[in-house]
PDB file of N, CA and C in Angstrom:
ATOM      1  N   MET A   1     345.443  68.469 150.291  1.00  0.00           N
ATOM      2  CA  MET A   1     346.624  68.962 149.609  1.00  0.00           C
ATOM      3  C   MET A   1     346.326  69.241 148.133  1.00  0.00           C
ATOM      4  N   THR A   2     345.563  68.386 147.481  1.00  0.00           N
ATOM      5  CA  THR A   2     345.265  68.562 146.068  1.00  0.00           C
ATOM      6  C   THR A   2     344.427  69.814 145.835  1.00  0.00           C
ATOM      7  N   ILE A   3     343.434  70.039 146.677  1.00  0.00           N
ATOM      8  CA  ILE A   3     342.592  71.230 146.536  1.00  0.00           C
ATOM      9  C   ILE A   3     343.432  72.482 146.765  1.00  0.00           C
ATOM     10  N   ARG A   4     344.328  72.435 147.737  1.00  0.00           N
ATOM     11  CA  ARG A   4     345.205  73.582 147.989  1.00  0.00           C
ATOM     12  C   ARG A   4     346.072  73.861 146.768  1.00  0.00           C
ATOM     13  N   ALA A   5     346.582  72.826 146.129  1.00  0.00           N
ATOM     14  CA  ALA A   5     347.417  73.004 144.943  1.00  0.00           C
ATOM     15  C   ALA A   5     346.602  73.547 143.777  1.00  0.00           C
ATOM     16  N   LEU A   6     345.343  73.135 143.643  1.00  0.00           N
ATOM     17  CA  LEU A   6     344.506  73.651 142.564  1.00  0.00           C
ATOM     18  C   LEU A   6     344.207  75.131 142.745  1.00  0.00           C
ATOM     19  N   TYR A   7     343.996  75.564 143.972  1.00  0.00           N
ATOM     20  CA  TYR A   7     343.756  76.994 144.197  1.00  0.00           C
ATOM     21  C   TYR A   7     345.037  77.792 144.033  1.00  0.00           C
ATOM     22  N   GLY A   8     346.142  77.239 144.405  1.00  0.00           N
ATOM     23  CA  GLY A   8     347.425  77.867 144.143  1.00  0.00           C
ATOM     24  C   GLY A   8     347.611  79.236 144.751  1.00  0.00           C
ATOM     25  N   ALA A   9     347.085  79.478 145.917  1.00  0.00           N
ATOM     26  CA  ALA A   9     347.267  80.769 146.589  1.00  0.00           C
ATOM     27  C   ALA A   9     348.594  80.754 147.332  1.00  0.00           C
ATOM     28  N   GLY A  10     349.403  81.767 147.115  1.00  0.00           N
ATOM     29  CA  GLY A  10     350.719  81.827 147.746  1.00  0.00           C
ATOM     30  C   GLY A  10     350.680  82.268 149.188  1.00  0.00           C
ATOM     31  N   SER A  11     349.640  82.977 149.587  1.00  0.00           N
ATOM     32  CA  SER A  11     349.550  83.447 150.970  1.00  0.00           C
ATOM     33  C   SER A  11     348.098  83.442 151.422  1.00  0.00           C
ATOM     34  N   ASP A  12     347.914  83.582 152.712  1.00  0.00           N
ATOM     35  CA  ASP A  12     346.559  83.606 153.261  1.00  0.00           C
ATOM     36  C   ASP A  12     345.908  84.975 153.155  1.00  0.00           C
ATOM     37  N   SER A  13     346.579  85.932 152.529  1.00  0.00           N
ATOM     38  CA  SER A  13     346.021  87.281 152.434  1.00  0.00           C
ATOM     39  C   SER A  13     344.934  87.411 151.377  1.00  0.00           C
ATOM     40  N   VAL A  14     344.789  86.421 150.509  1.00  0.00           N
ATOM     41  CA  VAL A  14     343.737  86.462 149.491  1.00  0.00           C
ATOM     42  C   VAL A  14     342.474  85.822 150.044  1.00  0.00           C
ATOM     43  N   LYS A  15     341.348  86.093 149.422  1.00  0.00           N
ATOM     44  CA  LYS A  15     340.051  85.574 149.864  1.00  0.00           C
ATOM     45  C   LYS A  15     339.866  84.142 149.369  1.00  0.00           C
ATOM     46  N   LEU A  16     340.200  83.179 150.202  1.00  0.00           N
ATOM     47  CA  LEU A  16     340.049  81.773 149.854  1.00  0.00           C
ATOM     48  C   LEU A  16     338.771  81.215 150.462  1.00  0.00           C
ATOM     49  N   PRO A  17     338.201  80.185 149.846  1.00  0.00           N
ATOM     50  CA  PRO A  17     337.030  79.540 150.439  1.00  0.00           C
ATOM     51  C   PRO A  17     337.386  78.936 151.797  1.00  0.00           C
ATOM     52  N   PRO A  18     336.397  78.747 152.649  1.00  0.00           N
ATOM     53  CA  PRO A  18     336.668  78.163 153.970  1.00  0.00           C
ATOM     54  C   PRO A  18     337.295  76.776 153.850  1.00  0.00           C
ATOM     55  N   GLY A  19     338.260  76.502 154.686  1.00  0.00           N
ATOM     56  CA  GLY A  19     338.912  75.194 154.711  1.00  0.00           C
ATOM     57  C   GLY A  19     340.084  75.053 153.772  1.00  0.00           C
ATOM     58  N   ILE A  20     340.387  76.075 152.992  1.00  0.00           N
ATOM     59  CA  ILE A  20     341.519  76.019 152.073  1.00  0.00           C
ATOM     60  C   ILE A  20     342.563  77.029 152.542  1.00  0.00           C
ATOM     61  N   SER A  21     343.772  76.560 152.702  1.00  0.00           N
ATOM     62  CA  SER A  21     344.851  77.447 153.134  1.00  0.00           C
ATOM     63  C   SER A  21     345.869  77.608 152.010  1.00  0.00           C
ATOM     64  N   ALA A  22     346.809  78.490 152.221  1.00  0.00           N
ATOM     65  CA  ALA A  22     347.824  78.780 151.199  1.00  0.00           C
ATOM     66  C   ALA A  22     348.733  77.574 150.991  1.00  0.00           C
ATOM     67  N   ILE A  23     349.245  77.429 149.779  1.00  0.00           N
ATOM     68  CA  ILE A  23     350.084  76.296 149.433  1.00  0.00           C
ATOM     69  C   ILE A  23     351.560  76.668 149.416  1.00  0.00           C
ATOM     70  N   GLY A  24     351.876  77.943 149.279  1.00  0.00           N
ATOM     71  CA  GLY A  24     353.270  78.364 149.232  1.00  0.00           C
ATOM     72  C   GLY A  24     353.670  78.736 147.816  1.00  0.00           C
ATOM     73  N   ALA A  25     354.886  78.414 147.451  1.00  0.00           N
ATOM     74  CA  ALA A  25     355.454  78.877 146.187  1.00  0.00           C
ATOM     75  C   ALA A  25     354.958  78.132 144.955  1.00  0.00           C
ATOM     76  N   ILE A  26     354.161  77.098 145.110  1.00  0.00           N
ATOM     77  CA  ILE A  26     353.687  76.342 143.948  1.00  0.00           C
ATOM     78  C   ILE A  26     352.719  77.155 143.087  1.00  0.00           C
ATOM     79  N   TRP A  27     352.202  78.276 143.581  1.00  0.00           N
ATOM     80  CA  TRP A  27     351.287  79.117 142.815  1.00  0.00           C
ATOM     81  C   TRP A  27     351.945  79.606 141.526  1.00  0.00           C
ATOM     82  N   PHE A  28     353.270  79.640 141.501  1.00  0.00           N
ATOM     83  CA  PHE A  28     353.992  80.189 140.358  1.00  0.00           C
ATOM     84  C   PHE A  28     353.802  79.350 139.094  1.00  0.00           C
ATOM     85  N   LEU A  29     353.718  78.054 139.227  1.00  0.00           N
ATOM     86  CA  LEU A  29     353.645  77.191 138.043  1.00  0.00           C
ATOM     87  C   LEU A  29     352.355  77.357 137.255  1.00  0.00           C
ATOM     88  N   PRO A  30     351.169  77.266 137.873  1.00  0.00           N
ATOM     89  CA  PRO A  30     349.964  77.517 137.071  1.00  0.00           C
ATOM     90  C   PRO A  30     349.852  78.978 136.621  1.00  0.00           C
ATOM     91  N   ALA A  31     350.375  79.908 137.417  1.00  0.00           N
ATOM     92  CA  ALA A  31     350.332  81.321 137.014  1.00  0.00           C
ATOM     93  C   ALA A  31     351.173  81.533 135.756  1.00  0.00           C
ATOM     94  N   LEU A  32     352.323  80.904 135.688  1.00  0.00           N
ATOM     95  CA  LEU A  32     353.167  81.019 134.494  1.00  0.00           C
ATOM     96  C   LEU A  32     352.486  80.398 133.280  1.00  0.00           C
ATOM     97  N   LEU A  33     351.820  79.287 133.477  1.00  0.00           N
ATOM     98  CA  LEU A  33     351.073  78.666 132.377  1.00  0.00           C
ATOM     99  C   LEU A  33     350.018  79.622 131.839  1.00  0.00           C
ATOM    100  N   TRP A  34     349.214  80.230 132.730  1.00  0.00           N
ATOM    101  CA  TRP A  34     348.180  81.172 132.296  1.00  0.00           C
ATOM    102  C   TRP A  34     348.783  82.392 131.618  1.00  0.00           C
ATOM    103  N   ALA A  35     349.886  82.890 132.160  1.00  0.00           N
ATOM    104  CA  ALA A  35     350.536  84.053 131.557  1.00  0.00           C
ATOM    105  C   ALA A  35     350.998  83.736 130.137  1.00  0.00           C
ATOM    106  N   LEU A  36     351.562  82.564 129.940  1.00  0.00           N
ATOM    107  CA  LEU A  36     352.010  82.178 128.602  1.00  0.00           C
ATOM    108  C   LEU A  36     350.842  82.019 127.628  1.00  0.00           C
ATOM    109  N   ILE A  37     349.739  81.454 128.089  1.00  0.00           N
ATOM    110  CA  ILE A  37     348.548  81.298 127.242  1.00  0.00           C
ATOM    111  C   ILE A  37     347.997  82.666 126.851  1.00  0.00           C
ATOM    112  N   ILE A  38     347.911  83.575 127.817  1.00  0.00           N
ATOM    113  CA  ILE A  38     347.387  84.918 127.548  1.00  0.00           C
ATOM    114  C   ILE A  38     348.284  85.665 126.565  1.00  0.00           C
ATOM    115  N   VAL A  39     349.587  85.589 126.750  1.00  0.00           N
ATOM    116  CA  VAL A  39     350.513  86.297 125.864  1.00  0.00           C
ATOM    117  C   VAL A  39     350.518  85.673 124.471  1.00  0.00           C
ATOM    118  N   LYS A  40     350.423  84.364 124.388  1.00  0.00           N
ATOM    119  CA  LYS A  40     350.366  83.716 123.073  1.00  0.00           C
ATOM    120  C   LYS A  40     349.157  84.209 122.288  1.00  0.00           C
ATOM    121  N   TYR A  41     348.026  84.370 122.966  1.00  0.00           N
ATOM    122  CA  TYR A  41     346.852  84.906 122.299  1.00  0.00           C
ATOM    123  C   TYR A  41     347.057  86.382 121.940  1.00  0.00           C
ATOM    124  N   ALA A  42     347.639  87.140 122.838  1.00  0.00           N
ATOM    125  CA  ALA A  42     347.799  88.585 122.627  1.00  0.00           C
ATOM    126  C   ALA A  42     348.714  88.901 121.453  1.00  0.00           C
ATOM    127  N   ILE A  43     349.743  88.105 121.235  1.00  0.00           N
ATOM    128  CA  ILE A  43     350.639  88.401 120.119  1.00  0.00           C
ATOM    129  C   ILE A  43     350.044  87.982 118.777  1.00  0.00           C
ATOM    130  N   SER A  44     348.950  87.210 118.818  1.00  0.00           N
ATOM    131  CA  SER A  44     348.322  86.789 117.562  1.00  0.00           C
ATOM    132  C   SER A  44     347.225  87.743 117.096  1.00  0.00           C
ATOM    133  N   VAL A  45     346.862  88.717 117.924  1.00  0.00           N
ATOM    134  CA  VAL A  45     345.814  89.662 117.545  1.00  0.00           C
ATOM    135  C   VAL A  45     346.400  91.061 117.407  1.00  0.00           C
ATOM    136  N   LYS A  46     345.697  91.882 116.652  1.00  0.00           N
ATOM    137  CA  LYS A  46     346.121  93.267 116.499  1.00  0.00           C
ATOM    138  C   LYS A  46     345.854  94.010 117.808  1.00  0.00           C
ATOM    139  N   TYR A  47     346.770  94.864 118.200  1.00  0.00           N
ATOM    140  CA  TYR A  47     346.695  95.617 119.459  1.00  0.00           C
ATOM    141  C   TYR A  47     346.623  94.691 120.669  1.00  0.00           C
ATOM    142  N   GLY A  48     347.467  93.697 120.667  1.00  0.00           N
ATOM    143  CA  GLY A  48     347.499  92.747 121.771  1.00  0.00           C
ATOM    144  C   GLY A  48     347.907  93.373 123.090  1.00  0.00           C
ATOM    145  N   PHE A  49     348.687  94.443 123.029  1.00  0.00           N
ATOM    146  CA  PHE A  49     349.109  95.098 124.272  1.00  0.00           C
ATOM    147  C   PHE A  49     347.911  95.691 125.019  1.00  0.00           C
ATOM    148  N   ILE A  50     346.871  96.088 124.295  1.00  0.00           N
ATOM    149  CA  ILE A  50     345.660  96.591 124.959  1.00  0.00           C
ATOM    150  C   ILE A  50     344.949  95.434 125.672  1.00  0.00           C
ATOM    151  N   PHE A  51     344.919  94.284 125.039  1.00  0.00           N
ATOM    152  CA  PHE A  51     344.336  93.098 125.661  1.00  0.00           C
ATOM    153  C   PHE A  51     345.101  92.732 126.930  1.00  0.00           C
ATOM    154  N   ILE A  52     346.425  92.778 126.869  1.00  0.00           N
ATOM    155  CA  ILE A  52     347.257  92.486 128.044  1.00  0.00           C
ATOM    156  C   ILE A  52     346.969  93.476 129.158  1.00  0.00           C
ATOM    157  N   PHE A  53     346.944  94.767 128.833  1.00  0.00           N
ATOM    158  CA  PHE A  53     346.711  95.802 129.839  1.00  0.00           C
ATOM    159  C   PHE A  53     345.340  95.627 130.487  1.00  0.00           C
ATOM    160  N   PHE A  54     344.314  95.374 129.691  1.00  0.00           N
ATOM    161  CA  PHE A  54     342.963  95.159 130.211  1.00  0.00           C
ATOM    162  C   PHE A  54     342.921  93.928 131.108  1.00  0.00           C
ATOM    163  N   ASN A  55     343.591  92.879 130.699  1.00  0.00           N
ATOM    164  CA  ASN A  55     343.638  91.644 131.471  1.00  0.00           C
ATOM    165  C   ASN A  55     344.312  91.859 132.824  1.00  0.00           C
ATOM    166  N   VAL A  56     345.381  92.641 132.846  1.00  0.00           N
ATOM    167  CA  VAL A  56     346.076  92.937 134.107  1.00  0.00           C
ATOM    168  C   VAL A  56     345.152  93.688 135.055  1.00  0.00           C
ATOM    169  N   ILE A  57     344.472  94.695 134.552  1.00  0.00           N
ATOM    170  CA  ILE A  57     343.588  95.504 135.398  1.00  0.00           C
ATOM    171  C   ILE A  57     342.445  94.644 135.959  1.00  0.00           C
ATOM    172  N   VAL A  58     341.799  93.862 135.109  1.00  0.00           N
ATOM    173  CA  VAL A  58     340.680  93.031 135.551  1.00  0.00           C
ATOM    174  C   VAL A  58     341.146  91.968 136.549  1.00  0.00           C
ATOM    175  N   SER A  59     342.260  91.329 136.278  1.00  0.00           N
ATOM    176  CA  SER A  59     342.773  90.297 137.187  1.00  0.00           C
ATOM    177  C   SER A  59     343.115  90.879 138.545  1.00  0.00           C
ATOM    178  N   TYR A  60     343.732  92.034 138.547  1.00  0.00           N
ATOM    179  CA  TYR A  60     344.111  92.664 139.814  1.00  0.00           C
ATOM    180  C   TYR A  60     342.884  93.067 140.633  1.00  0.00           C
ATOM    181  N   ILE A  61     341.913  93.678 139.981  1.00  0.00           N
ATOM    182  CA  ILE A  61     340.718  94.130 140.708  1.00  0.00           C
ATOM    183  C   ILE A  61     339.927  92.942 141.244  1.00  0.00           C
ATOM    184  N   PHE A  62     339.697  91.911 140.431  1.00  0.00           N
ATOM    185  CA  PHE A  62     338.911  90.774 140.888  1.00  0.00           C
ATOM    186  C   PHE A  62     339.618  89.970 141.973  1.00  0.00           C
ATOM    187  N   SER A  63     340.952  89.997 142.000  1.00  0.00           N
ATOM    188  CA  SER A  63     341.671  89.250 143.035  1.00  0.00           C
ATOM    189  C   SER A  63     341.439  89.837 144.423  1.00  0.00           C
ATOM    190  N   LYS A  64     340.988  91.074 144.500  1.00  0.00           N
ATOM    191  CA  LYS A  64     340.679  91.680 145.794  1.00  0.00           C
ATOM    192  C   LYS A  64     339.382  91.143 146.391  1.00  0.00           C
ATOM    193  N   TYR A  65     338.512  90.576 145.559  1.00  0.00           N
ATOM    194  CA  TYR A  65     337.211  90.116 146.012  1.00  0.00           C
ATOM    195  C   TYR A  65     337.086  88.602 146.087  1.00  0.00           C
ATOM    196  N   ILE A  66     337.679  87.884 145.146  1.00  0.00           N
ATOM    197  CA  ILE A  66     337.593  86.424 145.120  1.00  0.00           C
ATOM    198  C   ILE A  66     338.850  85.891 144.444  1.00  0.00           C
ATOM    199  N   TRP A  67     339.307  84.739 144.897  1.00  0.00           N
ATOM    200  CA  TRP A  67     340.485  84.115 144.312  1.00  0.00           C
ATOM    201  C   TRP A  67     340.044  82.914 143.500  1.00  0.00           C
ATOM    202  N   LEU A  68     340.336  82.920 142.207  1.00  0.00           N
ATOM    203  CA  LEU A  68     339.961  81.815 141.333  1.00  0.00           C
ATOM    204  C   LEU A  68     341.002  80.708 141.391  1.00  0.00           C
ATOM    205  N   PRO A  69     340.594  79.462 141.164  1.00  0.00           N
ATOM    206  CA  PRO A  69     341.556  78.359 141.192  1.00  0.00           C
ATOM    207  C   PRO A  69     342.593  78.471 140.084  1.00  0.00           C
ATOM    208  N   LEU A  70     343.646  77.714 140.224  1.00  0.00           N
ATOM    209  CA  LEU A  70     344.731  77.583 139.240  1.00  0.00           C
ATOM    210  C   LEU A  70     345.490  78.891 139.008  1.00  0.00           C
ATOM    211  N   SER A  71     345.470  79.780 139.953  1.00  0.00           N
ATOM    212  CA  SER A  71     346.218  81.046 139.880  1.00  0.00           C
ATOM    213  C   SER A  71     345.929  81.825 138.608  1.00  0.00           C
ATOM    214  N   ILE A  72     344.685  81.843 138.195  1.00  0.00           N
ATOM    215  CA  ILE A  72     344.302  82.537 136.967  1.00  0.00           C
ATOM    216  C   ILE A  72     344.582  84.028 137.089  1.00  0.00           C
ATOM    217  N   GLN A  73     344.250  84.612 138.226  1.00  0.00           N
ATOM    218  CA  GLN A  73     344.464  86.051 138.386  1.00  0.00           C
ATOM    219  C   GLN A  73     345.947  86.394 138.477  1.00  0.00           C
ATOM    220  N   ALA A  74     346.712  85.565 139.155  1.00  0.00           N
ATOM    221  CA  ALA A  74     348.151  85.812 139.226  1.00  0.00           C
ATOM    222  C   ALA A  74     348.773  85.708 137.832  1.00  0.00           C
ATOM    223  N   GLY A  75     348.291  84.773 137.034  1.00  0.00           N
ATOM    224  CA  GLY A  75     348.762  84.650 135.653  1.00  0.00           C
ATOM    225  C   GLY A  75     348.361  85.834 134.801  1.00  0.00           C
ATOM    226  N   GLY A  76     347.170  86.377 135.068  1.00  0.00           N
ATOM    227  CA  GLY A  76     346.729  87.561 134.331  1.00  0.00           C
ATOM    228  C   GLY A  76     347.623  88.760 134.595  1.00  0.00           C
ATOM    229  N   VAL A  77     348.010  88.929 135.836  1.00  0.00           N
ATOM    230  CA  VAL A  77     348.905  90.039 136.178  1.00  0.00           C
ATOM    231  C   VAL A  77     350.324  89.757 135.678  1.00  0.00           C
ATOM    232  N   ALA A  78     350.756  88.519 135.766  1.00  0.00           N
ATOM    233  CA  ALA A  78     352.103  88.161 135.319  1.00  0.00           C
ATOM    234  C   ALA A  78     352.255  88.249 133.803  1.00  0.00           C
ATOM    235  N   ALA A  79     351.145  88.248 133.084  1.00  0.00           N
ATOM    236  CA  ALA A  79     351.207  88.285 131.618  1.00  0.00           C
ATOM    237  C   ALA A  79     351.908  89.543 131.113  1.00  0.00           C
ATOM    238  N   ILE A  80     351.796  90.639 131.825  1.00  0.00           N
ATOM    239  CA  ILE A  80     352.460  91.850 131.364  1.00  0.00           C
ATOM    240  C   ILE A  80     353.970  91.706 131.415  1.00  0.00           C
ATOM    241  N   PHE A  81     354.470  90.982 132.413  1.00  0.00           N
ATOM    242  CA  PHE A  81     355.909  90.774 132.522  1.00  0.00           C
ATOM    243  C   PHE A  81     356.409  89.808 131.445  1.00  0.00           C
ATOM    244  N   VAL A  82     355.616  88.781 131.150  1.00  0.00           N
ATOM    245  CA  VAL A  82     355.978  87.860 130.072  1.00  0.00           C
ATOM    246  C   VAL A  82     355.936  88.577 128.730  1.00  0.00           C
ATOM    247  N   TYR A  83     354.960  89.437 128.531  1.00  0.00           N
ATOM    248  CA  TYR A  83     354.814  90.181 127.278  1.00  0.00           C
ATOM    249  C   TYR A  83     355.979  91.137 127.062  1.00  0.00           C
ATOM    250  N   ILE A  84     356.382  91.819 128.114  1.00  0.00           N
ATOM    251  CA  ILE A  84     357.515  92.751 128.005  1.00  0.00           C
ATOM    252  C   ILE A  84     358.814  92.010 127.765  1.00  0.00           C
ATOM    253  N   GLY A  85     358.944  90.869 128.439  1.00  0.00           N
ATOM    254  CA  GLY A  85     360.192  90.091 128.338  1.00  0.00           C
ATOM    255  C   GLY A  85     360.298  89.385 127.038  1.00  0.00           C
TER     256      GLY A  85
END
């Protein structure tokens, strides 16, 4: 259960390591944490919106090949919504 929570995958459609299954809706909490960290950094630098856009593209593309623990990629994509909001 702990390993599943650390990976934080919401569904089995992502590429998870063998023996790890989806945890459900708990993926939202670490993803929100990462999104807030990314946006906090982006608003402190000049042209932070470019950093956000680049982060969204990279997170989305890499999520098709491998899923990183702690919902890092989901947080990267969610950062654009936090930034706009």
